[in-house]
Amino acid sequence: MKCTDTFRTPPYRHNCAQAVAYKYAKLYGLEPDEALERFAGCAAGRAPGGLCGALHAAQCALPDKAGLIEDEFKKATNGHVTCADIKTKSGTPCPVCVMTIDCILEKLTGE
């Protein structure tokens, strides 16, 4: 399963942070439903610091690799990490952000 399989897709309709959290719930030590609840309010620029929700969820999953995750993510978003800047300055659509985070986490975790 890919994070994009549940992002805004019926029957799931997860937000960006939830799509990442659902797939990688075990990295948080949570069941998938618990991860969904934890990241329910972290989309559309509502993650701490206005970060992309998918990026925030990934950094929470692997806090010791947060800097590496951010550096890799910036390559896909022209250096931007906040939802507002990604949408207005980089033009990177949300599904691409979710897919990018999924690829980064797959490389780091082997999943």
PDB file of N, CA and C in Angstrom:
ATOM      1  N   MET A   1       0.838  -1.176   0.000  1.00  0.00           N
ATOM      2  CA  MET A   1       0.000   0.000   0.000  1.00  0.00           C
ATOM      3  C   MET A   1       0.886   1.243   0.000  1.00  0.00           C
ATOM      4  N   LYS A   2       0.494   2.212  -0.747  1.00  0.00           N
ATOM      5  CA  LYS A   2       1.156   3.512  -0.803  1.00  0.00           C
ATOM      6  C   LYS A   2       0.330   4.522  -0.018  1.00  0.00           C
ATOM      7  N   CYS A   3       0.969   5.543   0.474  1.00  0.00           N
ATOM      8  CA  CYS A   3       0.244   6.590   1.194  1.00  0.00           C
ATOM      9  C   CYS A   3      -0.815   7.235   0.296  1.00  0.00           C
ATOM     10  N   THR A   4      -0.501   7.366  -0.985  1.00  0.00           N
ATOM     11  CA  THR A   4      -1.451   7.989  -1.905  1.00  0.00           C
ATOM     12  C   THR A   4      -2.696   7.129  -2.127  1.00  0.00           C
ATOM     13  N   ASP A   5      -2.637   5.841  -1.756  1.00  0.00           N
ATOM     14  CA  ASP A   5      -3.810   4.973  -1.897  1.00  0.00           C
ATOM     15  C   ASP A   5      -4.936   5.375  -0.954  1.00  0.00           C
ATOM     16  N   THR A   6      -4.588   6.038   0.153  1.00  0.00           N
ATOM     17  CA  THR A   6      -5.619   6.431   1.122  1.00  0.00           C
ATOM     18  C   THR A   6      -5.833   7.946   1.169  1.00  0.00           C
ATOM     19  N   PHE A   7      -4.964   8.706   0.515  1.00  0.00           N
ATOM     20  CA  PHE A   7      -5.062  10.167   0.530  1.00  0.00           C
ATOM     21  C   PHE A   7      -6.230  10.632  -0.323  1.00  0.00           C
ATOM     22  N   ARG A   8      -7.254  11.159   0.347  1.00  0.00           N
ATOM     23  CA  ARG A   8      -8.456  11.692  -0.317  1.00  0.00           C
ATOM     24  C   ARG A   8      -9.163  10.670  -1.191  1.00  0.00           C
ATOM     25  N   THR A   9      -8.879   9.398  -0.987  1.00  0.00           N
ATOM     26  CA  THR A   9      -9.427   8.346  -1.833  1.00  0.00           C
ATOM     27  C   THR A   9     -10.463   7.538  -1.064  1.00  0.00           C
ATOM     28  N   PRO A  10     -11.668   7.380  -1.633  1.00  0.00           N
ATOM     29  CA  PRO A  10     -12.667   6.555  -0.954  1.00  0.00           C
ATOM     30  C   PRO A  10     -12.166   5.123  -0.827  1.00  0.00           C
ATOM     31  N   PRO A  11     -12.469   4.427   0.195  1.00  0.00           N
ATOM     32  CA  PRO A  11     -13.340   4.838   1.301  1.00  0.00           C
ATOM     33  C   PRO A  11     -12.589   5.559   2.412  1.00  0.00           C
ATOM     34  N   TYR A  12     -11.291   5.748   2.273  1.00  0.00           N
ATOM     35  CA  TYR A  12     -10.482   6.322   3.349  1.00  0.00           C
ATOM     36  C   TYR A  12     -10.631   7.831   3.495  1.00  0.00           C
ATOM     37  N   ARG A  13     -10.300   8.565   2.444  1.00  0.00           N
ATOM     38  CA  ARG A  13     -10.350  10.032   2.436  1.00  0.00           C
ATOM     39  C   ARG A  13      -9.465  10.665   3.513  1.00  0.00           C
ATOM     40  N   HIS A  14      -8.278  10.094   3.699  1.00  0.00           N
ATOM     41  CA  HIS A  14      -7.346  10.636   4.694  1.00  0.00           C
ATOM     42  C   HIS A  14      -6.774  11.958   4.225  1.00  0.00           C
ATOM     43  N   ASN A  15      -6.456  12.826   5.190  1.00  0.00           N
ATOM     44  CA  ASN A  15      -5.726  14.038   4.829  1.00  0.00           C
ATOM     45  C   ASN A  15      -4.261  13.640   4.615  1.00  0.00           C
ATOM     46  N   CYS A  16      -3.419  14.603   4.262  1.00  0.00           N
ATOM     47  CA  CYS A  16      -2.030  14.285   3.930  1.00  0.00           C
ATOM     48  C   CYS A  16      -1.277  13.665   5.111  1.00  0.00           C
ATOM     49  N   ALA A  17      -1.441  14.241   6.289  1.00  0.00           N
ATOM     50  CA  ALA A  17      -0.753  13.713   7.474  1.00  0.00           C
ATOM     51  C   ALA A  17      -1.298  12.334   7.845  1.00  0.00           C
ATOM     52  N   GLN A  18      -2.594  12.164   7.764  1.00  0.00           N
ATOM     53  CA  GLN A  18      -3.208  10.877   8.094  1.00  0.00           C
ATOM     54  C   GLN A  18      -2.778   9.783   7.124  1.00  0.00           C
ATOM     55  N   ALA A  19      -2.632  10.121   5.856  1.00  0.00           N
ATOM     56  CA  ALA A  19      -2.226   9.120   4.866  1.00  0.00           C
ATOM     57  C   ALA A  19      -0.850   8.554   5.214  1.00  0.00           C
ATOM     58  N   VAL A  20       0.047   9.413   5.650  1.00  0.00           N
ATOM     59  CA  VAL A  20       1.380   8.975   6.069  1.00  0.00           C
ATOM     60  C   VAL A  20       1.282   8.193   7.382  1.00  0.00           C
ATOM     61  N   ALA A  21       0.560   8.738   8.340  1.00  0.00           N
ATOM     62  CA  ALA A  21       0.434   8.109   9.657  1.00  0.00           C
ATOM     63  C   ALA A  21      -0.237   6.741   9.577  1.00  0.00           C
ATOM     64  N   TYR A  22      -1.205   6.589   8.701  1.00  0.00           N
ATOM     65  CA  TYR A  22      -1.921   5.321   8.565  1.00  0.00           C
ATOM     66  C   TYR A  22      -0.972   4.216   8.114  1.00  0.00           C
ATOM     67  N   LYS A  23      -0.190   4.513   7.085  1.00  0.00           N
ATOM     68  CA  LYS A  23       0.739   3.504   6.572  1.00  0.00           C
ATOM     69  C   LYS A  23       1.855   3.191   7.566  1.00  0.00           C
ATOM     70  N   TYR A  24       2.349   4.209   8.240  1.00  0.00           N
ATOM     71  CA  TYR A  24       3.522   4.044   9.105  1.00  0.00           C
ATOM     72  C   TYR A  24       3.170   4.058  10.593  1.00  0.00           C
ATOM     73  N   ALA A  25       1.957   3.685  10.937  1.00  0.00           N
ATOM     74  CA  ALA A  25       1.479   3.735  12.330  1.00  0.00           C
ATOM     75  C   ALA A  25       2.411   3.018  13.304  1.00  0.00           C
ATOM     76  N   LYS A  26       2.977   1.907  12.879  1.00  0.00           N
ATOM     77  CA  LYS A  26       3.826   1.154  13.810  1.00  0.00           C
ATOM     78  C   LYS A  26       5.088   1.919  14.196  1.00  0.00           C
ATOM     79  N   LEU A  27       5.530   2.858  13.359  1.00  0.00           N
ATOM     80  CA  LEU A  27       6.695   3.675  13.711  1.00  0.00           C
ATOM     81  C   LEU A  27       6.402   4.598  14.894  1.00  0.00           C
ATOM     82  N   TYR A  28       5.128   4.943  15.067  1.00  0.00           N
ATOM     83  CA  TYR A  28       4.708   5.773  16.203  1.00  0.00           C
ATOM     84  C   TYR A  28       4.370   4.916  17.418  1.00  0.00           C
ATOM     85  N   GLY A  29       4.321   3.602  17.224  1.00  0.00           N
ATOM     86  CA  GLY A  29       3.881   2.716  18.295  1.00  0.00           C
ATOM     87  C   GLY A  29       2.374   2.759  18.472  1.00  0.00           C
ATOM     88  N   LEU A  30       1.662   3.049  17.391  1.00  0.00           N
ATOM     89  CA  LEU A  30       0.210   3.182  17.432  1.00  0.00           C
ATOM     90  C   LEU A  30      -0.465   2.200  16.488  1.00  0.00           C
ATOM     91  N   GLU A  31      -1.717   1.943  16.755  1.00  0.00           N
ATOM     92  CA  GLU A  31      -2.568   1.229  15.802  1.00  0.00           C
ATOM     93  C   GLU A  31      -2.955   2.240  14.718  1.00  0.00           C
ATOM     94  N   PRO A  32      -3.264   1.781  13.506  1.00  0.00           N
ATOM     95  CA  PRO A  32      -3.617   2.719  12.436  1.00  0.00           C
ATOM     96  C   PRO A  32      -4.728   3.707  12.805  1.00  0.00           C
ATOM     97  N   ASP A  33      -5.772   3.234  13.490  1.00  0.00           N
ATOM     98  CA  ASP A  33      -6.860   4.144  13.868  1.00  0.00           C
ATOM     99  C   ASP A  33      -6.399   5.208  14.857  1.00  0.00           C
ATOM    100  N   GLU A  34      -5.494   4.851  15.750  1.00  0.00           N
ATOM    101  CA  GLU A  34      -4.948   5.825  16.698  1.00  0.00           C
ATOM    102  C   GLU A  34      -4.105   6.867  15.969  1.00  0.00           C
ATOM    103  N   ALA A  35      -3.347   6.418  14.991  1.00  0.00           N
ATOM    104  CA  ALA A  35      -2.523   7.335  14.202  1.00  0.00           C
ATOM    105  C   ALA A  35      -3.401   8.308  13.415  1.00  0.00           C
ATOM    106  N   LEU A  36      -4.502   7.807  12.883  1.00  0.00           N
ATOM    107  CA  LEU A  36      -5.431   8.679  12.152  1.00  0.00           C
ATOM    108  C   LEU A  36      -5.960   9.787  13.051  1.00  0.00           C
ATOM    109  N   GLU A  37      -6.320   9.418  14.258  1.00  0.00           N
ATOM    110  CA  GLU A  37      -6.859  10.400  15.200  1.00  0.00           C
ATOM    111  C   GLU A  37      -5.798  11.429  15.581  1.00  0.00           C
ATOM    112  N   ARG A  38      -4.589  10.948  15.825  1.00  0.00           N
ATOM    113  CA  ARG A  38      -3.498  11.842  16.245  1.00  0.00           C
ATOM    114  C   ARG A  38      -3.199  12.914  15.203  1.00  0.00           C
ATOM    115  N   PHE A  39      -3.311  12.566  13.917  1.00  0.00           N
ATOM    116  CA  PHE A  39      -2.943  13.494  12.848  1.00  0.00           C
ATOM    117  C   PHE A  39      -4.146  14.089  12.105  1.00  0.00           C
ATOM    118  N   ALA A  40      -5.311  13.964  12.684  1.00  0.00           N
ATOM    119  CA  ALA A  40      -6.536  14.455  12.034  1.00  0.00           C
ATOM    120  C   ALA A  40      -6.490  15.959  11.757  1.00  0.00           C
ATOM    121  N   GLY A  41      -5.916  16.726  12.643  1.00  0.00           N
ATOM    122  CA  GLY A  41      -5.904  18.179  12.482  1.00  0.00           C
ATOM    123  C   GLY A  41      -4.632  18.742  11.901  1.00  0.00           C
ATOM    124  N   CYS A  42      -3.854  17.924  11.210  1.00  0.00           N
ATOM    125  CA  CYS A  42      -2.538  18.371  10.730  1.00  0.00           C
ATOM    126  C   CYS A  42      -2.468  18.534   9.223  1.00  0.00           C
ATOM    127  N   ALA A  43      -3.559  18.915   8.610  1.00  0.00           N
ATOM    128  CA  ALA A  43      -3.560  19.118   7.156  1.00  0.00           C
ATOM    129  C   ALA A  43      -3.881  20.579   6.846  1.00  0.00           C
ATOM    130  N   ALA A  44      -3.722  20.942   5.603  1.00  0.00           N
ATOM    131  CA  ALA A  44      -4.097  22.276   5.118  1.00  0.00           C
ATOM    132  C   ALA A  44      -3.407  23.397   5.895  1.00  0.00           C
ATOM    133  N   GLY A  45      -2.130  23.183   6.206  1.00  0.00           N
ATOM    134  CA  GLY A  45      -1.350  24.207   6.885  1.00  0.00           C
ATOM    135  C   GLY A  45      -1.542  24.260   8.388  1.00  0.00           C
ATOM    136  N   ARG A  46      -2.224  23.262   8.953  1.00  0.00           N
ATOM    137  CA  ARG A  46      -2.489  23.268  10.396  1.00  0.00           C
ATOM    138  C   ARG A  46      -1.487  22.447  11.208  1.00  0.00           C
ATOM    139  N   ALA A  47      -0.493  21.868  10.557  1.00  0.00           N
ATOM    140  CA  ALA A  47       0.575  21.181  11.302  1.00  0.00           C
ATOM    141  C   ALA A  47       1.406  22.257  12.003  1.00  0.00           C
ATOM    142  N   PRO A  48       2.122  21.902  13.053  1.00  0.00           N
ATOM    143  CA  PRO A  48       2.936  22.901  13.759  1.00  0.00           C
ATOM    144  C   PRO A  48       3.836  23.688  12.793  1.00  0.00           C
ATOM    145  N   GLY A  49       3.867  24.982  12.991  1.00  0.00           N
ATOM    146  CA  GLY A  49       4.694  25.849  12.147  1.00  0.00           C
ATOM    147  C   GLY A  49       4.189  25.992  10.729  1.00  0.00           C
ATOM    148  N   GLY A  50       2.972  25.517  10.469  1.00  0.00           N
ATOM    149  CA  GLY A  50       2.424  25.590   9.117  1.00  0.00           C
ATOM    150  C   GLY A  50       3.035  24.589   8.156  1.00  0.00           C
ATOM    151  N   LEU A  51       3.803  23.635   8.701  1.00  0.00           N
ATOM    152  CA  LEU A  51       4.454  22.627   7.850  1.00  0.00           C
ATOM    153  C   LEU A  51       3.445  21.842   7.019  1.00  0.00           C
ATOM    154  N   CYS A  52       3.918  21.319   5.923  1.00  0.00           N
ATOM    155  CA  CYS A  52       3.147  20.346   5.153  1.00  0.00           C
ATOM    156  C   CYS A  52       2.808  19.212   6.123  1.00  0.00           C
ATOM    157  N   GLY A  53       1.558  18.787   6.133  1.00  0.00           N
ATOM    158  CA  GLY A  53       1.130  17.732   7.047  1.00  0.00           C
ATOM    159  C   GLY A  53       1.848  16.422   6.822  1.00  0.00           C
ATOM    160  N   ALA A  54       2.108  16.079   5.572  1.00  0.00           N
ATOM    161  CA  ALA A  54       2.813  14.834   5.270  1.00  0.00           C
ATOM    162  C   ALA A  54       4.240  14.891   5.815  1.00  0.00           C
ATOM    163  N   LEU A  55       4.885  16.027   5.648  1.00  0.00           N
ATOM    164  CA  LEU A  55       6.236  16.205   6.182  1.00  0.00           C
ATOM    165  C   LEU A  55       6.223  16.109   7.709  1.00  0.00           C
ATOM    166  N   HIS A  56       5.280  16.773   8.336  1.00  0.00           N
ATOM    167  CA  HIS A  56       5.175  16.732   9.794  1.00  0.00           C
ATOM    168  C   HIS A  56       4.992  15.298  10.288  1.00  0.00           C
ATOM    169  N   ALA A  57       4.099  14.562   9.668  1.00  0.00           N
ATOM    170  CA  ALA A  57       3.849  13.174  10.081  1.00  0.00           C
ATOM    171  C   ALA A  57       5.101  12.319   9.917  1.00  0.00           C
ATOM    172  N   ALA A  58       5.828  12.534   8.840  1.00  0.00           N
ATOM    173  CA  ALA A  58       7.061  11.770   8.603  1.00  0.00           C
ATOM    174  C   ALA A  58       8.118  12.101   9.648  1.00  0.00           C
ATOM    175  N   GLN A  59       8.256  13.365   9.979  1.00  0.00           N
ATOM    176  CA  GLN A  59       9.246  13.763  10.979  1.00  0.00           C
ATOM    177  C   GLN A  59       8.884  13.230  12.363  1.00  0.00           C
ATOM    178  N   CYS A  60       7.604  13.124  12.650  1.00  0.00           N
ATOM    179  CA  CYS A  60       7.168  12.532  13.924  1.00  0.00           C
ATOM    180  C   CYS A  60       7.440  11.031  13.953  1.00  0.00           C
ATOM    181  N   ALA A  61       7.359  10.395  12.792  1.00  0.00           N
ATOM    182  CA  ALA A  61       7.594   8.950  12.712  1.00  0.00           C
ATOM    183  C   ALA A  61       9.058   8.609  12.949  1.00  0.00           C
ATOM    184  N   LEU A  62       9.956   9.447  12.420  1.00  0.00           N
ATOM    185  CA  LEU A  62      11.392   9.218  12.550  1.00  0.00           C
ATOM    186  C   LEU A  62      12.069  10.505  13.016  1.00  0.00           C
ATOM    187  N   PRO A  63      11.855  10.889  14.263  1.00  0.00           N
ATOM    188  CA  PRO A  63      12.402  12.170  14.718  1.00  0.00           C
ATOM    189  C   PRO A  63      13.917  12.286  14.626  1.00  0.00           C
ATOM    190  N   ASP A  64      14.611  11.173  14.727  1.00  0.00           N
ATOM    191  CA  ASP A  64      16.074  11.214  14.616  1.00  0.00           C
ATOM    192  C   ASP A  64      16.538  11.464  13.187  1.00  0.00           C
ATOM    193  N   LYS A  65      15.634  11.351  12.238  1.00  0.00           N
ATOM    194  CA  LYS A  65      15.966  11.587  10.831  1.00  0.00           C
ATOM    195  C   LYS A  65      15.189  12.780  10.271  1.00  0.00           C
ATOM    196  N   ALA A  66      14.630  13.609  11.164  1.00  0.00           N
ATOM    197  CA  ALA A  66      13.788  14.730  10.738  1.00  0.00           C
ATOM    198  C   ALA A  66      14.508  15.673   9.770  1.00  0.00           C
ATOM    199  N   GLY A  67      15.761  15.977  10.045  1.00  0.00           N
ATOM    200  CA  GLY A  67      16.520  16.864   9.166  1.00  0.00           C
ATOM    201  C   GLY A  67      16.738  16.272   7.789  1.00  0.00           C
ATOM    202  N   LEU A  68      17.071  15.004   7.741  1.00  0.00           N
ATOM    203  CA  LEU A  68      17.267  14.312   6.460  1.00  0.00           C
ATOM    204  C   LEU A  68      15.961  14.270   5.671  1.00  0.00           C
ATOM    205  N   ILE A  69      14.865  13.972   6.356  1.00  0.00           N
ATOM    206  CA  ILE A  69      13.552  13.928   5.697  1.00  0.00           C
ATOM    207  C   ILE A  69      13.234  15.295   5.106  1.00  0.00           C
ATOM    208  N   GLU A  70      13.463  16.349   5.881  1.00  0.00           N
ATOM    209  CA  GLU A  70      13.187  17.697   5.394  1.00  0.00           C
ATOM    210  C   GLU A  70      14.069  18.042   4.189  1.00  0.00           C
ATOM    211  N   ASP A  71      15.339  17.724   4.253  1.00  0.00           N
ATOM    212  CA  ASP A  71      16.239  18.008   3.137  1.00  0.00           C
ATOM    213  C   ASP A  71      15.791  17.308   1.861  1.00  0.00           C
ATOM    214  N   GLU A  72      15.419  16.052   1.974  1.00  0.00           N
ATOM    215  CA  GLU A  72      14.954  15.302   0.797  1.00  0.00           C
ATOM    216  C   GLU A  72      13.630  15.863   0.270  1.00  0.00           C
ATOM    217  N   PHE A  73      12.757  16.228   1.186  1.00  0.00           N
ATOM    218  CA  PHE A  73      11.455  16.782   0.805  1.00  0.00           C
ATOM    219  C   PHE A  73      11.625  18.101   0.046  1.00  0.00           C
ATOM    220  N   LYS A  74      12.538  18.936   0.506  1.00  0.00           N
ATOM    221  CA  LYS A  74      12.773  20.236  -0.134  1.00  0.00           C
ATOM    222  C   LYS A  74      13.171  20.093  -1.601  1.00  0.00           C
ATOM    223  N   LYS A  75      13.825  18.994  -1.932  1.00  0.00           N
ATOM    224  CA  LYS A  75      14.237  18.778  -3.326  1.00  0.00           C
ATOM    225  C   LYS A  75      13.029  18.684  -4.251  1.00  0.00           C
ATOM    226  N   ALA A  76      11.920  18.171  -3.732  1.00  0.00           N
ATOM    227  CA  ALA A  76      10.710  18.006  -4.547  1.00  0.00           C
ATOM    228  C   ALA A  76       9.818  19.241  -4.533  1.00  0.00           C
ATOM    229  N   THR A  77      10.052  20.143  -3.573  1.00  0.00           N
ATOM    230  CA  THR A  77       9.167  21.305  -3.419  1.00  0.00           C
ATOM    231  C   THR A  77       9.901  22.631  -3.595  1.00  0.00           C
ATOM    232  N   ASN A  78      10.984  22.610  -4.330  1.00  0.00           N
ATOM    233  CA  ASN A  78      11.763  23.819  -4.609  1.00  0.00           C
ATOM    234  C   ASN A  78      12.176  24.543  -3.334  1.00  0.00           C
ATOM    235  N   GLY A  79      12.507  23.772  -2.300  1.00  0.00           N
ATOM    236  CA  GLY A  79      13.026  24.346  -1.069  1.00  0.00           C
ATOM    237  C   GLY A  79      11.990  24.749  -0.043  1.00  0.00           C
ATOM    238  N   HIS A  80      10.727  24.470  -0.299  1.00  0.00           N
ATOM    239  CA  HIS A  80       9.662  24.905   0.602  1.00  0.00           C
ATOM    240  C   HIS A  80       9.187  23.766   1.492  1.00  0.00           C
ATOM    241  N   VAL A  81       8.778  24.126   2.730  1.00  0.00           N
ATOM    242  CA  VAL A  81       8.288  23.110   3.675  1.00  0.00           C
ATOM    243  C   VAL A  81       6.932  23.456   4.269  1.00  0.00           C
ATOM    244  N   THR A  82       6.516  24.713   4.207  1.00  0.00           N
ATOM    245  CA  THR A  82       5.196  25.042   4.745  1.00  0.00           C
ATOM    246  C   THR A  82       4.140  24.824   3.666  1.00  0.00           C
ATOM    247  N   CYS A  83       2.971  24.474   4.116  1.00  0.00           N
ATOM    248  CA  CYS A  83       1.869  24.217   3.188  1.00  0.00           C
ATOM    249  C   CYS A  83       1.612  25.443   2.309  1.00  0.00           C
ATOM    250  N   ALA A  84       1.568  26.605   2.918  1.00  0.00           N
ATOM    251  CA  ALA A  84       1.280  27.826   2.160  1.00  0.00           C
ATOM    252  C   ALA A  84       2.322  28.080   1.080  1.00  0.00           C
ATOM    253  N   ASP A  85       3.594  27.951   1.423  1.00  0.00           N
ATOM    254  CA  ASP A  85       4.649  28.195   0.438  1.00  0.00           C
ATOM    255  C   ASP A  85       4.657  27.133  -0.655  1.00  0.00           C
ATOM    256  N   ILE A  86       4.399  25.905  -0.265  1.00  0.00           N
ATOM    257  CA  ILE A  86       4.362  24.839  -1.274  1.00  0.00           C
ATOM    258  C   ILE A  86       3.268  25.125  -2.287  1.00  0.00           C
ATOM    259  N   LYS A  87       2.108  25.534  -1.811  1.00  0.00           N
ATOM    260  CA  LYS A  87       0.981  25.795  -2.712  1.00  0.00           C
ATOM    261  C   LYS A  87       1.170  27.058  -3.536  1.00  0.00           C
ATOM    262  N   THR A  88       1.728  28.113  -2.938  1.00  0.00           N
ATOM    263  CA  THR A  88       1.794  29.397  -3.639  1.00  0.00           C
ATOM    264  C   THR A  88       3.109  29.643  -4.374  1.00  0.00           C
ATOM    265  N   LYS A  89       4.207  29.097  -3.854  1.00  0.00           N
ATOM    266  CA  LYS A  89       5.503  29.390  -4.453  1.00  0.00           C
ATOM    267  C   LYS A  89       6.074  28.241  -5.272  1.00  0.00           C
ATOM    268  N   SER A  90       5.839  27.008  -4.832  1.00  0.00           N
ATOM    269  CA  SER A  90       6.430  25.896  -5.571  1.00  0.00           C
ATOM    270  C   SER A  90       5.453  25.278  -6.559  1.00  0.00           C
ATOM    271  N   GLY A  91       4.168  25.403  -6.277  1.00  0.00           N
ATOM    272  CA  GLY A  91       3.166  24.821  -7.173  1.00  0.00           C
ATOM    273  C   GLY A  91       3.116  23.308  -7.117  1.00  0.00           C
ATOM    274  N   THR A  92       3.703  22.724  -6.101  1.00  0.00           N
ATOM    275  CA  THR A  92       3.696  21.268  -5.954  1.00  0.00           C
ATOM    276  C   THR A  92       2.346  20.845  -5.386  1.00  0.00           C
ATOM    277  N   PRO A  93       1.606  19.988  -6.092  1.00  0.00           N
ATOM    278  CA  PRO A  93       0.295  19.566  -5.581  1.00  0.00           C
ATOM    279  C   PRO A  93       0.422  18.612  -4.396  1.00  0.00           C
ATOM    280  N   CYS A  94      -0.592  18.624  -3.557  1.00  0.00           N
ATOM    281  CA  CYS A  94      -0.595  17.796  -2.344  1.00  0.00           C
ATOM    282  C   CYS A  94      -0.304  16.320  -2.616  1.00  0.00           C
ATOM    283  N   PRO A  95      -0.903  15.699  -3.635  1.00  0.00           N
ATOM    284  CA  PRO A  95      -0.584  14.285  -3.863  1.00  0.00           C
ATOM    285  C   PRO A  95       0.905  14.035  -4.114  1.00  0.00           C
ATOM    286  N   VAL A  96       1.590  14.983  -4.718  1.00  0.00           N
ATOM    287  CA  VAL A  96       3.028  14.834  -4.952  1.00  0.00           C
ATOM    288  C   VAL A  96       3.788  14.915  -3.631  1.00  0.00           C
ATOM    289  N   CYS A  97       3.345  15.789  -2.748  1.00  0.00           N
ATOM    290  CA  CYS A  97       3.984  15.874  -1.424  1.00  0.00           C
ATOM    291  C   CYS A  97       3.827  14.556  -0.672  1.00  0.00           C
ATOM    292  N   VAL A  98       2.634  13.991  -0.701  1.00  0.00           N
ATOM    293  CA  VAL A  98       2.374  12.719  -0.019  1.00  0.00           C
ATOM    294  C   VAL A  98       3.219  11.607  -0.646  1.00  0.00           C
ATOM    295  N   MET A  99       3.266  11.559  -1.962  1.00  0.00           N
ATOM    296  CA  MET A  99       4.053  10.544  -2.659  1.00  0.00           C
ATOM    297  C   MET A  99       5.542  10.703  -2.349  1.00  0.00           C
ATOM    298  N   THR A 100       6.016  11.939  -2.296  1.00  0.00           N
ATOM    299  CA  THR A 100       7.423  12.207  -1.989  1.00  0.00           C
ATOM    300  C   THR A 100       7.780  11.696  -0.602  1.00  0.00           C
ATOM    301  N   ILE A 101       6.939  12.007   0.372  1.00  0.00           N
ATOM    302  CA  ILE A 101       7.180  11.543   1.741  1.00  0.00           C
ATOM    303  C   ILE A 101       7.153  10.021   1.802  1.00  0.00           C
ATOM    304  N   ASP A 102       6.231   9.410   1.114  1.00  0.00           N
ATOM    305  CA  ASP A 102       6.158   7.946   1.105  1.00  0.00           C
ATOM    306  C   ASP A 102       7.458   7.357   0.560  1.00  0.00           C
ATOM    307  N   CYS A 103       7.961   7.909  -0.522  1.00  0.00           N
ATOM    308  CA  CYS A 103       9.221   7.418  -1.105  1.00  0.00           C
ATOM    309  C   CYS A 103      10.393   7.597  -0.142  1.00  0.00           C
ATOM    310  N   ILE A 104      10.434   8.745   0.524  1.00  0.00           N
ATOM    311  CA  ILE A 104      11.514   8.996   1.492  1.00  0.00           C
ATOM    312  C   ILE A 104      11.447   7.990   2.628  1.00  0.00           C
ATOM    313  N   LEU A 105      10.258   7.789   3.192  1.00  0.00           N
ATOM    314  CA  LEU A 105      10.118   6.860   4.310  1.00  0.00           C
ATOM    315  C   LEU A 105      10.368   5.412   3.886  1.00  0.00           C
ATOM    316  N   GLU A 106       9.969   5.062   2.675  1.00  0.00           N
ATOM    317  CA  GLU A 106      10.248   3.708   2.188  1.00  0.00           C
ATOM    318  C   GLU A 106      11.747   3.462   2.129  1.00  0.00           C
ATOM    319  N   LYS A 107      12.490   4.453   1.657  1.00  0.00           N
ATOM    320  CA  LYS A 107      13.956   4.312   1.601  1.00  0.00           C
ATOM    321  C   LYS A 107      14.571   4.181   2.994  1.00  0.00           C
ATOM    322  N   LEU A 108      14.064   4.976   3.924  1.00  0.00           N
ATOM    323  CA  LEU A 108      14.636   4.996   5.275  1.00  0.00           C
ATOM    324  C   LEU A 108      14.242   3.786   6.115  1.00  0.00           C
ATOM    325  N   THR A 109      13.070   3.220   5.839  1.00  0.00           N
ATOM    326  CA  THR A 109      12.568   2.122   6.669  1.00  0.00           C
ATOM    327  C   THR A 109      12.611   0.764   5.970  1.00  0.00           C
ATOM    328  N   GLY A 110      12.754   0.773   4.663  1.00  0.00           N
ATOM    329  CA  GLY A 110      12.726  -0.470   3.908  1.00  0.00           C
ATOM    330  C   GLY A 110      11.329  -1.044   3.732  1.00  0.00           C
ATOM    331  N   GLU A 111      10.309  -0.220   4.001  1.00  0.00           N
ATOM    332  CA  GLU A 111       8.915  -0.688   3.856  1.00  0.00           C
ATOM    333  C   GLU A 111       8.340  -0.312   2.522  1.00  0.00           C
TER     334      GLU A 111
END
